[in-house]
């Protein structure tokens, strides 16, 4: 706290605002590291191979009641994973070296009483919702960048996100959707990449 009678009113105001400013800065730092709503990221790693940069991840979550009710009424729901590789630049905005996305479509088929998961032109049917969710909670060896996209020198980092994509729901259902309505399933994570473009995150 400023001492002495010479302290100006402006100095006193700044001193009183200091705790709030520090809190805002801390929250901003934490937001860059990870943002999550209903999804836990249990594993995230990258590895550079002869073909390019590959990413593997796994998540833990359960469908919300609202999402499961919609699914059982015949509304397909979609999950999207996105990954961006960016290069730090001190003189300008960071440069995006590569970007990739993957989408899973989950649907209930009442005639066969099976759940169908579709991704990348592949389709698989499951008799239980738990098995269907297990197939779309992660990916292994997913190529997110070509080697030619990683030739620039510098420090790189990974931005990763995984979410239930409400933008692909029928338009009438999108009105007013959000976490309070039970559709909030997403996680975001930022990881620094080593010189060989490897990274690893594992949580128990």
N, C-alpha and C. Protein backbone atom coordinates (compact mmCIF):
# COMPACT_ATOMS: atom_id res chain seq x y z
N UNK A 1 0.84 -1.18 0.00
CA UNK A 1 0.00 0.00 0.00
C UNK A 1 0.88 1.23 0.00
N UNK A 2 0.56 2.28 -0.79
CA UNK A 2 1.35 3.49 -0.79
C UNK A 2 1.35 4.14 0.58
N UNK A 3 2.51 4.60 1.02
CA UNK A 3 2.65 5.21 2.32
C UNK A 3 2.91 6.70 2.17
N UNK A 4 2.57 7.43 3.21
CA UNK A 4 2.84 8.86 3.21
C UNK A 4 1.66 9.65 2.69
N UNK A 5 1.58 10.90 3.11
CA UNK A 5 0.46 11.74 2.72
C UNK A 5 0.57 12.24 1.29
N UNK A 6 1.74 12.03 0.67
CA UNK A 6 1.95 12.56 -0.68
C UNK A 6 1.36 11.67 -1.77
N UNK A 7 0.89 10.48 -1.36
CA UNK A 7 0.34 9.57 -2.37
C UNK A 7 -0.87 10.19 -3.05
N UNK A 8 -0.90 10.18 -4.37
CA UNK A 8 -1.97 10.81 -5.14
C UNK A 8 -3.21 9.93 -5.15
N UNK A 9 -4.38 10.54 -5.40
CA UNK A 9 -5.61 9.72 -5.50
C UNK A 9 -5.50 8.65 -6.58
N UNK A 10 -4.81 8.97 -7.70
CA UNK A 10 -4.64 7.98 -8.76
C UNK A 10 -3.84 6.78 -8.29
N UNK A 11 -2.78 7.03 -7.51
CA UNK A 11 -1.97 5.93 -6.99
C UNK A 11 -2.79 5.03 -6.08
N UNK A 12 -3.64 5.65 -5.25
CA UNK A 12 -4.49 4.85 -4.36
C UNK A 12 -5.47 3.99 -5.16
N UNK A 13 -6.04 4.56 -6.23
CA UNK A 13 -6.98 3.79 -7.05
C UNK A 13 -6.28 2.60 -7.70
N UNK A 14 -5.08 2.83 -8.24
CA UNK A 14 -4.34 1.76 -8.89
C UNK A 14 -3.98 0.66 -7.89
N UNK A 15 -3.62 1.07 -6.67
CA UNK A 15 -3.26 0.08 -5.65
C UNK A 15 -4.46 -0.79 -5.28
N UNK A 16 -5.63 -0.15 -5.20
CA UNK A 16 -6.83 -0.91 -4.84
C UNK A 16 -7.25 -1.84 -5.98
N UNK A 17 -6.92 -1.49 -7.22
CA UNK A 17 -7.27 -2.33 -8.37
C UNK A 17 -6.27 -3.45 -8.62
N UNK A 18 -5.11 -3.38 -7.97
CA UNK A 18 -4.05 -4.36 -8.24
C UNK A 18 -4.48 -5.80 -8.07
N UNK A 19 -5.16 -6.18 -6.97
CA UNK A 19 -5.58 -7.59 -6.83
C UNK A 19 -6.47 -8.05 -7.98
N UNK A 20 -7.40 -7.18 -8.40
CA UNK A 20 -8.30 -7.56 -9.50
C UNK A 20 -7.52 -7.74 -10.80
N UNK A 21 -6.56 -6.86 -11.06
CA UNK A 21 -5.76 -6.97 -12.28
C UNK A 21 -4.93 -8.25 -12.29
N UNK A 22 -4.37 -8.60 -11.13
CA UNK A 22 -3.60 -9.84 -11.04
C UNK A 22 -4.48 -11.05 -11.28
N UNK A 23 -5.71 -11.02 -10.75
CA UNK A 23 -6.63 -12.13 -10.95
C UNK A 23 -6.99 -12.30 -12.41
N UNK A 24 -7.24 -11.19 -13.10
CA UNK A 24 -7.57 -11.25 -14.52
C UNK A 24 -6.41 -11.84 -15.32
N UNK A 25 -5.18 -11.43 -14.99
CA UNK A 25 -4.01 -11.95 -15.69
C UNK A 25 -3.86 -13.46 -15.45
N UNK A 26 -4.10 -13.90 -14.21
CA UNK A 26 -3.99 -15.33 -13.89
C UNK A 26 -5.04 -16.14 -14.63
N UNK A 27 -6.27 -15.64 -14.67
CA UNK A 27 -7.33 -16.35 -15.37
C UNK A 27 -7.04 -16.44 -16.86
N UNK A 28 -6.46 -15.38 -17.41
CA UNK A 28 -6.10 -15.41 -18.82
C UNK A 28 -5.05 -16.46 -19.11
N UNK A 29 -4.07 -16.60 -18.21
CA UNK A 29 -3.04 -17.61 -18.38
C UNK A 29 -3.62 -19.01 -18.30
N UNK A 30 -4.52 -19.24 -17.35
CA UNK A 30 -5.14 -20.55 -17.22
C UNK A 30 -6.03 -20.86 -18.41
N UNK A 31 -6.71 -19.86 -18.94
CA UNK A 31 -7.58 -20.08 -20.09
C UNK A 31 -6.76 -20.52 -21.29
N UNK A 32 -5.55 -19.97 -21.46
CA UNK A 32 -4.69 -20.37 -22.58
C UNK A 32 -4.26 -21.82 -22.43
N UNK A 33 -4.08 -22.26 -21.17
CA UNK A 33 -3.60 -23.63 -20.95
C UNK A 33 -4.71 -24.64 -21.20
N UNK A 34 -5.88 -24.40 -20.62
CA UNK A 34 -6.94 -25.39 -20.78
C UNK A 34 -8.30 -24.80 -20.44
N UNK A 35 -9.29 -25.11 -21.24
CA UNK A 35 -10.68 -24.76 -20.99
C UNK A 35 -11.48 -26.03 -21.17
N UNK A 36 -12.32 -26.35 -20.21
CA UNK A 36 -13.06 -27.60 -20.30
C UNK A 36 -14.48 -27.42 -19.78
N UNK A 37 -15.40 -28.14 -20.39
CA UNK A 37 -16.80 -28.14 -19.98
C UNK A 37 -17.35 -29.54 -20.20
N UNK A 38 -17.32 -30.36 -19.15
CA UNK A 38 -17.90 -31.69 -19.22
C UNK A 38 -17.04 -32.75 -19.87
N UNK A 39 -15.84 -32.40 -20.34
CA UNK A 39 -14.95 -33.36 -21.00
C UNK A 39 -13.60 -33.33 -20.30
N UNK A 40 -13.06 -34.49 -20.03
CA UNK A 40 -11.72 -34.60 -19.44
C UNK A 40 -10.76 -35.18 -20.48
N UNK A 41 -9.66 -34.50 -20.68
CA UNK A 41 -8.65 -34.97 -21.62
C UNK A 41 -7.67 -35.87 -20.88
N UNK A 42 -7.70 -37.15 -21.15
CA UNK A 42 -6.86 -38.09 -20.41
C UNK A 42 -5.51 -38.32 -21.07
N UNK A 43 -5.41 -38.08 -22.38
CA UNK A 43 -4.14 -38.28 -23.07
C UNK A 43 -4.10 -37.44 -24.34
N UNK A 44 -2.95 -36.80 -24.57
CA UNK A 44 -2.74 -36.00 -25.78
C UNK A 44 -1.25 -36.02 -26.09
N UNK A 45 -0.89 -36.46 -27.30
CA UNK A 45 0.52 -36.55 -27.65
C UNK A 45 0.70 -36.36 -29.15
N UNK A 46 1.90 -35.92 -29.53
CA UNK A 46 2.25 -35.78 -30.95
C UNK A 46 3.58 -36.48 -31.20
N UNK A 47 3.75 -36.92 -32.44
CA UNK A 47 4.98 -37.59 -32.84
C UNK A 47 5.22 -37.35 -34.32
N UNK A 48 6.44 -36.96 -34.67
CA UNK A 48 6.77 -36.72 -36.07
C UNK A 48 7.28 -38.01 -36.70
N UNK A 49 6.73 -38.35 -37.86
CA UNK A 49 7.11 -39.56 -38.58
C UNK A 49 7.57 -39.18 -39.98
N UNK A 50 7.86 -40.18 -40.80
CA UNK A 50 8.27 -39.91 -42.17
C UNK A 50 7.14 -39.30 -42.99
N UNK A 51 5.90 -39.53 -42.59
CA UNK A 51 4.76 -39.00 -43.33
C UNK A 51 4.34 -37.61 -42.85
N UNK A 52 4.66 -37.25 -41.62
CA UNK A 52 4.25 -35.96 -41.09
C UNK A 52 4.09 -36.01 -39.58
N UNK A 53 3.31 -35.07 -39.06
CA UNK A 53 3.08 -34.99 -37.62
C UNK A 53 1.78 -35.70 -37.28
N UNK A 54 1.86 -36.66 -36.37
CA UNK A 54 0.69 -37.43 -35.98
C UNK A 54 0.29 -37.11 -34.55
N UNK A 55 -1.01 -37.08 -34.33
CA UNK A 55 -1.57 -36.76 -33.02
C UNK A 55 -2.42 -37.92 -32.52
N UNK A 56 -2.30 -38.20 -31.24
CA UNK A 56 -3.15 -39.20 -30.58
C UNK A 56 -3.77 -38.56 -29.34
N UNK A 57 -5.04 -38.85 -29.10
CA UNK A 57 -5.69 -38.30 -27.92
C UNK A 57 -6.80 -39.22 -27.44
N UNK A 58 -7.17 -39.06 -26.19
CA UNK A 58 -8.33 -39.77 -25.65
C UNK A 58 -8.99 -38.87 -24.61
N UNK A 59 -10.31 -38.97 -24.54
CA UNK A 59 -11.09 -38.15 -23.63
C UNK A 59 -12.00 -39.03 -22.78
N UNK A 60 -12.53 -38.44 -21.72
CA UNK A 60 -13.51 -39.10 -20.87
C UNK A 60 -14.70 -38.17 -20.70
N UNK A 61 -15.89 -38.66 -21.00
CA UNK A 61 -17.11 -37.89 -20.80
C UNK A 61 -18.31 -38.80 -20.97
N UNK A 62 -19.45 -38.35 -20.53
CA UNK A 62 -20.71 -39.02 -20.77
C UNK A 62 -21.67 -38.04 -21.42
N UNK A 63 -22.56 -38.55 -22.24
CA UNK A 63 -23.55 -37.69 -22.85
C UNK A 63 -24.43 -37.05 -21.79
N UNK A 64 -24.77 -35.80 -21.98
CA UNK A 64 -25.71 -35.15 -21.09
C UNK A 64 -27.11 -35.71 -21.35
N UNK A 65 -27.99 -35.48 -20.40
CA UNK A 65 -29.35 -36.00 -20.55
C UNK A 65 -30.03 -35.41 -21.79
N UNK A 66 -29.84 -34.11 -22.01
CA UNK A 66 -30.47 -33.47 -23.17
C UNK A 66 -29.96 -34.07 -24.48
N UNK A 67 -28.65 -34.30 -24.57
CA UNK A 67 -28.08 -34.86 -25.79
C UNK A 67 -28.54 -36.30 -26.01
N UNK A 68 -28.60 -37.09 -24.94
CA UNK A 68 -29.03 -38.47 -25.09
C UNK A 68 -30.51 -38.56 -25.46
N UNK A 69 -31.33 -37.70 -24.88
CA UNK A 69 -32.75 -37.70 -25.23
C UNK A 69 -32.94 -37.36 -26.70
N UNK A 70 -32.21 -36.37 -27.20
CA UNK A 70 -32.32 -35.99 -28.61
C UNK A 70 -31.86 -37.14 -29.51
N UNK A 71 -30.76 -37.79 -29.13
CA UNK A 71 -30.24 -38.90 -29.91
C UNK A 71 -31.27 -40.02 -30.02
N UNK A 72 -31.90 -40.39 -28.90
CA UNK A 72 -32.86 -41.48 -28.91
C UNK A 72 -34.16 -41.11 -29.63
N UNK A 73 -34.35 -39.83 -29.90
CA UNK A 73 -35.51 -39.39 -30.68
C UNK A 73 -35.19 -39.26 -32.16
N UNK A 74 -33.99 -39.71 -32.56
CA UNK A 74 -33.64 -39.73 -33.97
C UNK A 74 -32.82 -38.56 -34.46
N UNK A 75 -32.29 -37.73 -33.55
CA UNK A 75 -31.48 -36.58 -33.95
C UNK A 75 -30.00 -36.98 -33.90
N UNK A 76 -29.31 -37.01 -35.03
CA UNK A 76 -27.87 -37.32 -35.02
C UNK A 76 -27.10 -36.20 -34.29
N UNK A 77 -26.06 -36.57 -33.59
CA UNK A 77 -25.22 -35.57 -32.94
C UNK A 77 -23.78 -35.76 -33.42
N UNK A 78 -23.05 -34.68 -33.40
CA UNK A 78 -21.73 -34.64 -34.00
C UNK A 78 -20.67 -34.22 -32.98
N UNK A 79 -19.51 -34.85 -33.09
CA UNK A 79 -18.35 -34.48 -32.29
C UNK A 79 -17.22 -34.08 -33.23
N UNK A 80 -16.52 -33.02 -32.88
CA UNK A 80 -15.47 -32.49 -33.74
C UNK A 80 -14.18 -32.31 -32.94
N UNK A 81 -13.08 -32.80 -33.50
CA UNK A 81 -11.74 -32.55 -32.95
C UNK A 81 -11.00 -31.65 -33.93
N UNK A 82 -10.33 -30.63 -33.42
CA UNK A 82 -9.56 -29.71 -34.24
C UNK A 82 -8.17 -29.55 -33.66
N UNK A 83 -7.18 -29.49 -34.54
CA UNK A 83 -5.79 -29.32 -34.11
C UNK A 83 -5.10 -28.34 -35.03
N UNK A 84 -4.39 -27.38 -34.43
CA UNK A 84 -3.62 -26.40 -35.20
C UNK A 84 -2.19 -26.39 -34.68
N UNK A 85 -1.24 -26.35 -35.60
CA UNK A 85 0.17 -26.19 -35.25
C UNK A 85 0.57 -24.77 -35.60
N UNK A 86 1.06 -24.03 -34.61
CA UNK A 86 1.41 -22.63 -34.81
C UNK A 86 2.87 -22.37 -34.45
N UNK A 87 3.46 -21.40 -35.14
CA UNK A 87 4.85 -21.02 -34.88
C UNK A 87 4.88 -19.66 -34.19
N UNK A 88 5.62 -19.61 -33.07
CA UNK A 88 5.75 -18.35 -32.35
C UNK A 88 6.48 -17.32 -33.18
N UNK A 89 5.96 -16.08 -33.18
CA UNK A 89 6.64 -14.97 -33.84
C UNK A 89 6.61 -13.76 -32.90
N UNK A 90 7.78 -13.28 -32.50
CA UNK A 90 7.83 -12.17 -31.55
C UNK A 90 7.44 -10.85 -32.19
N UNK A 91 7.57 -10.76 -33.51
CA UNK A 91 7.37 -9.49 -34.20
C UNK A 91 5.97 -9.34 -34.78
N UNK A 92 5.16 -10.40 -34.76
CA UNK A 92 3.84 -10.34 -35.38
C UNK A 92 2.97 -11.45 -34.81
N UNK A 93 1.74 -11.52 -35.25
CA UNK A 93 0.86 -12.58 -34.79
C UNK A 93 1.45 -13.95 -35.16
N UNK A 94 1.27 -14.93 -34.27
CA UNK A 94 1.81 -16.27 -34.52
C UNK A 94 1.27 -16.84 -35.83
N UNK A 95 2.12 -17.56 -36.54
CA UNK A 95 1.77 -18.10 -37.86
C UNK A 95 1.24 -19.52 -37.72
N UNK A 96 0.13 -19.81 -38.40
CA UNK A 96 -0.42 -21.17 -38.41
C UNK A 96 0.29 -21.98 -39.48
N UNK A 97 0.96 -23.05 -39.06
CA UNK A 97 1.68 -23.91 -40.01
C UNK A 97 0.76 -24.97 -40.59
N UNK A 98 -0.17 -25.47 -39.80
CA UNK A 98 -1.06 -26.53 -40.28
C UNK A 98 -2.32 -26.55 -39.43
N UNK A 99 -3.36 -27.09 -40.02
CA UNK A 99 -4.64 -27.21 -39.31
C UNK A 99 -5.37 -28.43 -39.82
N UNK A 100 -6.00 -29.17 -38.90
CA UNK A 100 -6.74 -30.38 -39.30
C UNK A 100 -7.96 -30.52 -38.40
N UNK A 101 -8.98 -31.18 -38.93
CA UNK A 101 -10.19 -31.43 -38.15
C UNK A 101 -10.75 -32.81 -38.49
N UNK A 102 -11.45 -33.37 -37.54
CA UNK A 102 -12.07 -34.68 -37.75
C UNK A 102 -13.46 -34.64 -37.11
N UNK A 103 -14.44 -35.21 -37.80
CA UNK A 103 -15.83 -35.19 -37.32
C UNK A 103 -16.37 -36.60 -37.18
N UNK A 104 -17.09 -36.83 -36.09
CA UNK A 104 -17.78 -38.11 -35.87
C UNK A 104 -19.28 -37.82 -35.81
N UNK A 105 -20.05 -38.64 -36.51
CA UNK A 105 -21.51 -38.53 -36.49
C UNK A 105 -22.07 -39.74 -35.74
N UNK A 106 -22.84 -39.48 -34.72
CA UNK A 106 -23.45 -40.53 -33.91
C UNK A 106 -24.95 -40.51 -34.10
N UNK A 107 -25.54 -41.65 -34.48
CA UNK A 107 -26.98 -41.71 -34.73
C UNK A 107 -27.55 -43.02 -34.18
N UNK A 108 -28.81 -42.95 -33.77
CA UNK A 108 -29.54 -44.12 -33.30
C UNK A 108 -30.42 -44.63 -34.43
N UNK A 109 -30.35 -45.96 -34.70
CA UNK A 109 -31.15 -46.58 -35.75
C UNK A 109 -32.20 -47.48 -35.11
N UNK A 110 -33.43 -46.99 -34.99
CA UNK A 110 -34.46 -47.75 -34.27
C UNK A 110 -34.82 -49.08 -34.92
N UNK A 111 -34.71 -49.19 -36.25
CA UNK A 111 -35.09 -50.45 -36.91
C UNK A 111 -34.17 -51.59 -36.51
N UNK A 112 -32.87 -51.30 -36.45
CA UNK A 112 -31.90 -52.34 -36.07
C UNK A 112 -31.53 -52.27 -34.60
N UNK A 113 -32.02 -51.20 -33.92
CA UNK A 113 -31.72 -50.96 -32.51
C UNK A 113 -30.20 -50.95 -32.28
N UNK A 114 -29.53 -50.19 -33.13
CA UNK A 114 -28.08 -50.04 -33.04
C UNK A 114 -27.70 -48.57 -33.14
N UNK A 115 -26.53 -48.27 -32.62
CA UNK A 115 -25.95 -46.93 -32.74
C UNK A 115 -24.91 -46.96 -33.86
N UNK A 116 -24.96 -45.97 -34.72
CA UNK A 116 -24.05 -45.91 -35.86
C UNK A 116 -23.11 -44.72 -35.72
N UNK A 117 -21.81 -44.98 -35.85
CA UNK A 117 -20.79 -43.94 -35.80
C UNK A 117 -20.15 -43.85 -37.18
N UNK A 118 -20.14 -42.64 -37.74
CA UNK A 118 -19.57 -42.42 -39.07
C UNK A 118 -18.47 -41.37 -38.96
N UNK A 119 -17.33 -41.65 -39.61
CA UNK A 119 -16.24 -40.68 -39.66
C UNK A 119 -15.34 -41.00 -40.85
N UNK A 120 -14.98 -39.97 -41.60
CA UNK A 120 -14.07 -40.14 -42.72
C UNK A 120 -14.49 -41.17 -43.74
N UNK A 121 -15.80 -41.31 -43.97
CA UNK A 121 -16.29 -42.29 -44.93
C UNK A 121 -16.43 -43.69 -44.37
N UNK A 122 -16.07 -43.90 -43.12
CA UNK A 122 -16.19 -45.21 -42.48
C UNK A 122 -17.40 -45.22 -41.56
N UNK A 123 -18.08 -46.37 -41.51
CA UNK A 123 -19.26 -46.53 -40.68
C UNK A 123 -19.12 -47.78 -39.82
N UNK A 124 -19.55 -47.66 -38.58
CA UNK A 124 -19.50 -48.81 -37.68
C UNK A 124 -20.75 -48.78 -36.79
N UNK A 125 -21.35 -49.94 -36.58
CA UNK A 125 -22.55 -50.03 -35.75
C UNK A 125 -22.23 -50.70 -34.42
N UNK A 126 -22.96 -50.28 -33.37
CA UNK A 126 -22.74 -50.79 -32.02
C UNK A 126 -24.09 -51.05 -31.38
N UNK A 127 -24.14 -52.09 -30.54
CA UNK A 127 -25.38 -52.42 -29.86
C UNK A 127 -25.59 -51.60 -28.59
N UNK A 128 -24.54 -50.99 -28.06
CA UNK A 128 -24.68 -50.20 -26.84
C UNK A 128 -24.15 -48.80 -27.05
N UNK A 129 -24.73 -47.84 -26.34
CA UNK A 129 -24.28 -46.46 -26.44
C UNK A 129 -22.87 -46.30 -25.88
N UNK A 130 -22.54 -47.04 -24.85
CA UNK A 130 -21.20 -46.93 -24.26
C UNK A 130 -20.12 -47.34 -25.25
N UNK A 131 -20.38 -48.41 -26.04
CA UNK A 131 -19.41 -48.84 -27.05
C UNK A 131 -19.29 -47.80 -28.17
N UNK A 132 -20.42 -47.22 -28.55
CA UNK A 132 -20.40 -46.21 -29.60
C UNK A 132 -19.61 -44.98 -29.15
N UNK A 133 -19.82 -44.55 -27.93
CA UNK A 133 -19.08 -43.39 -27.41
C UNK A 133 -17.60 -43.69 -27.28
N UNK A 134 -17.26 -44.92 -26.91
CA UNK A 134 -15.86 -45.30 -26.78
C UNK A 134 -15.13 -45.14 -28.11
N UNK A 135 -15.81 -45.39 -29.21
CA UNK A 135 -15.17 -45.33 -30.53
C UNK A 135 -14.90 -43.90 -30.98
N UNK A 136 -15.56 -42.92 -30.38
CA UNK A 136 -15.38 -41.54 -30.85
C UNK A 136 -14.78 -40.62 -29.79
N UNK A 137 -14.35 -41.20 -28.69
CA UNK A 137 -13.75 -40.38 -27.63
C UNK A 137 -12.29 -40.07 -27.88
N UNK A 138 -11.70 -40.62 -28.93
CA UNK A 138 -10.29 -40.36 -29.18
C UNK A 138 -9.87 -40.81 -30.56
N UNK A 139 -8.58 -40.65 -30.83
CA UNK A 139 -8.01 -41.06 -32.11
C UNK A 139 -6.54 -41.39 -31.89
N UNK A 140 -5.98 -42.22 -32.76
CA UNK A 140 -4.57 -42.61 -32.67
C UNK A 140 -3.92 -42.47 -34.03
N UNK A 141 -2.72 -41.88 -34.06
CA UNK A 141 -2.00 -41.74 -35.31
C UNK A 141 -2.68 -40.86 -36.33
N UNK A 142 -3.39 -39.85 -35.87
CA UNK A 142 -4.10 -38.92 -36.75
C UNK A 142 -3.09 -37.91 -37.31
N UNK A 143 -2.89 -37.90 -38.63
CA UNK A 143 -1.94 -36.98 -39.23
C UNK A 143 -2.54 -35.58 -39.32
N UNK A 144 -1.91 -34.63 -38.65
CA UNK A 144 -2.45 -33.27 -38.61
C UNK A 144 -1.58 -32.29 -39.40
N UNK A 145 -0.39 -32.71 -39.86
CA UNK A 145 0.48 -31.82 -40.64
C UNK A 145 1.41 -32.64 -41.50
N UNK A 146 1.74 -32.10 -42.66
CA UNK A 146 2.74 -32.71 -43.53
C UNK A 146 4.12 -32.17 -43.15
N UNK A 147 5.15 -32.95 -43.44
CA UNK A 147 6.50 -32.52 -43.08
C UNK A 147 6.90 -31.20 -43.74
N UNK A 148 6.43 -30.97 -44.95
CA UNK A 148 6.77 -29.73 -45.64
C UNK A 148 6.20 -28.50 -44.93
N UNK A 149 5.15 -28.70 -44.14
CA UNK A 149 4.54 -27.59 -43.41
C UNK A 149 5.30 -27.26 -42.13
N UNK A 150 6.28 -28.09 -41.78
CA UNK A 150 7.01 -27.91 -40.53
C UNK A 150 8.47 -27.56 -40.77
N UNK A 151 8.79 -27.09 -41.97
CA UNK A 151 10.19 -26.84 -42.32
C UNK A 151 10.73 -25.53 -41.77
N UNK A 152 9.88 -24.58 -41.43
CA UNK A 152 10.35 -23.31 -40.91
C UNK A 152 11.02 -23.51 -39.55
N UNK A 153 12.04 -22.70 -39.27
CA UNK A 153 12.69 -22.75 -37.98
C UNK A 153 11.89 -21.95 -36.96
N UNK A 154 12.08 -22.28 -35.70
CA UNK A 154 11.40 -21.55 -34.64
C UNK A 154 10.74 -22.49 -33.65
N UNK A 155 10.02 -21.91 -32.70
CA UNK A 155 9.32 -22.67 -31.69
C UNK A 155 7.86 -22.82 -32.08
N UNK A 156 7.35 -24.04 -31.94
CA UNK A 156 5.98 -24.34 -32.34
C UNK A 156 5.16 -24.77 -31.13
N UNK A 157 3.86 -24.61 -31.25
CA UNK A 157 2.97 -25.12 -30.22
C UNK A 157 1.68 -25.64 -30.86
N UNK A 158 0.94 -26.43 -30.09
CA UNK A 158 -0.27 -27.09 -30.57
C UNK A 158 -1.49 -26.52 -29.87
N UNK A 159 -2.51 -26.19 -30.64
CA UNK A 159 -3.81 -25.84 -30.10
C UNK A 159 -4.78 -26.96 -30.46
N UNK A 160 -5.40 -27.55 -29.44
CA UNK A 160 -6.28 -28.70 -29.64
C UNK A 160 -7.64 -28.43 -29.01
N UNK A 161 -8.69 -28.87 -29.68
CA UNK A 161 -10.03 -28.77 -29.10
C UNK A 161 -10.86 -29.98 -29.52
N UNK A 162 -11.80 -30.33 -28.64
CA UNK A 162 -12.72 -31.44 -28.89
C UNK A 162 -14.06 -31.01 -28.32
N UNK A 163 -15.14 -31.18 -29.10
CA UNK A 163 -16.43 -30.68 -28.63
C UNK A 163 -17.59 -31.43 -29.27
N UNK A 164 -18.72 -31.36 -28.60
CA UNK A 164 -19.98 -31.74 -29.20
C UNK A 164 -20.42 -30.52 -30.01
N UNK A 165 -20.58 -30.70 -31.32
CA UNK A 165 -20.80 -29.58 -32.23
C UNK A 165 -22.30 -29.30 -32.37
N UNK A 166 -22.79 -28.35 -31.61
CA UNK A 166 -24.22 -28.02 -31.66
C UNK A 166 -24.59 -27.28 -32.95
N UNK A 167 -23.61 -26.76 -33.70
CA UNK A 167 -23.92 -26.04 -34.93
C UNK A 167 -24.46 -26.97 -36.01
N UNK A 168 -24.28 -28.28 -35.84
CA UNK A 168 -24.78 -29.24 -36.83
C UNK A 168 -26.13 -29.85 -36.44
N UNK A 169 -26.69 -29.38 -35.34
CA UNK A 169 -28.02 -29.81 -34.96
C UNK A 169 -29.06 -29.12 -35.84
N UNK A 170 -30.27 -29.66 -35.92
CA UNK A 170 -31.34 -28.96 -36.66
C UNK A 170 -31.50 -27.53 -36.15
N UNK A 171 -31.74 -26.61 -37.06
CA UNK A 171 -31.80 -25.19 -36.70
C UNK A 171 -32.75 -24.89 -35.54
N UNK A 172 -33.95 -25.45 -35.47
CA UNK A 172 -34.84 -25.13 -34.35
C UNK A 172 -34.24 -25.50 -32.99
N UNK A 173 -33.38 -26.53 -32.95
CA UNK A 173 -32.79 -26.95 -31.69
C UNK A 173 -31.63 -26.05 -31.26
N UNK A 174 -31.08 -25.27 -32.18
CA UNK A 174 -29.92 -24.45 -31.86
C UNK A 174 -30.28 -23.18 -31.09
N UNK A 175 -31.55 -22.82 -31.09
CA UNK A 175 -31.98 -21.59 -30.43
C UNK A 175 -31.83 -21.74 -28.92
N UNK A 176 -30.97 -20.92 -28.35
CA UNK A 176 -30.80 -20.90 -26.90
C UNK A 176 -29.97 -22.02 -26.33
N UNK A 177 -29.27 -22.80 -27.21
CA UNK A 177 -28.48 -23.91 -26.69
C UNK A 177 -27.25 -23.40 -25.95
N UNK A 178 -26.80 -24.15 -24.97
CA UNK A 178 -25.60 -23.80 -24.21
C UNK A 178 -25.49 -24.73 -23.02
N UNK A 179 -24.47 -24.53 -22.21
CA UNK A 179 -24.25 -25.39 -21.06
C UNK A 179 -25.44 -25.45 -20.12
N UNK A 180 -26.13 -24.32 -19.84
CA UNK A 180 -27.27 -24.41 -18.94
C UNK A 180 -28.36 -25.34 -19.45
N UNK A 181 -28.46 -25.49 -20.76
CA UNK A 181 -29.46 -26.39 -21.32
C UNK A 181 -28.94 -27.82 -21.45
N UNK A 182 -27.71 -28.09 -21.02
CA UNK A 182 -27.20 -29.45 -20.99
C UNK A 182 -26.48 -29.92 -22.23
N UNK A 183 -26.01 -28.98 -23.07
CA UNK A 183 -25.31 -29.38 -24.28
C UNK A 183 -23.83 -29.03 -24.22
N UNK A 184 -23.34 -28.58 -23.11
CA UNK A 184 -21.94 -28.15 -23.03
C UNK A 184 -20.99 -29.33 -22.85
N UNK A 185 -20.36 -29.77 -23.93
CA UNK A 185 -19.33 -30.80 -23.89
C UNK A 185 -18.18 -30.33 -24.76
N UNK A 186 -17.09 -29.88 -24.15
CA UNK A 186 -15.94 -29.44 -24.94
C UNK A 186 -14.71 -29.31 -24.05
N UNK A 187 -13.56 -29.32 -24.70
CA UNK A 187 -12.30 -29.07 -24.01
C UNK A 187 -11.33 -28.44 -24.99
N UNK A 188 -10.49 -27.54 -24.50
CA UNK A 188 -9.44 -26.91 -25.29
C UNK A 188 -8.13 -27.03 -24.53
N UNK A 189 -7.05 -27.24 -25.27
CA UNK A 189 -5.74 -27.40 -24.64
C UNK A 189 -4.66 -26.84 -25.56
N UNK A 190 -3.67 -26.19 -24.95
CA UNK A 190 -2.51 -25.68 -25.68
C UNK A 190 -1.26 -26.34 -25.12
N UNK A 191 -0.43 -26.90 -26.01
CA UNK A 191 0.80 -27.57 -25.60
C UNK A 191 1.97 -27.06 -26.42
N UNK A 192 3.10 -26.81 -25.75
CA UNK A 192 4.33 -26.47 -26.46
C UNK A 192 4.92 -27.74 -27.08
N UNK A 193 5.46 -27.61 -28.29
CA UNK A 193 6.08 -28.74 -28.97
C UNK A 193 7.59 -28.67 -28.82
N UNK A 194 8.22 -29.82 -28.62
CA UNK A 194 9.67 -29.88 -28.51
C UNK A 194 10.30 -29.65 -29.89
N UNK A 195 11.61 -29.62 -29.92
CA UNK A 195 12.31 -29.36 -31.19
C UNK A 195 11.99 -30.42 -32.24
N UNK A 196 11.70 -31.64 -31.81
CA UNK A 196 11.35 -32.71 -32.75
C UNK A 196 9.84 -32.81 -32.96
N UNK A 197 9.10 -31.79 -32.48
CA UNK A 197 7.66 -31.69 -32.61
C UNK A 197 6.91 -32.72 -31.78
N UNK A 198 7.54 -33.28 -30.79
CA UNK A 198 6.87 -34.21 -29.90
C UNK A 198 6.27 -33.46 -28.72
N UNK A 199 5.24 -34.04 -28.15
CA UNK A 199 4.63 -33.54 -26.91
C UNK A 199 3.87 -34.68 -26.28
N UNK A 200 3.63 -34.57 -24.98
CA UNK A 200 2.91 -35.63 -24.31
C UNK A 200 2.22 -35.10 -23.07
N UNK A 201 0.95 -35.45 -22.93
CA UNK A 201 0.16 -35.09 -21.76
C UNK A 201 -0.65 -36.29 -21.35
N UNK A 202 -0.54 -36.71 -20.12
CA UNK A 202 -1.32 -37.84 -19.61
C UNK A 202 -1.82 -37.49 -18.23
N UNK A 203 -3.10 -37.73 -17.99
CA UNK A 203 -3.69 -37.51 -16.67
C UNK A 203 -4.26 -38.82 -16.17
N UNK A 204 -4.15 -39.08 -14.86
CA UNK A 204 -4.65 -40.34 -14.32
C UNK A 204 -6.16 -40.45 -14.41
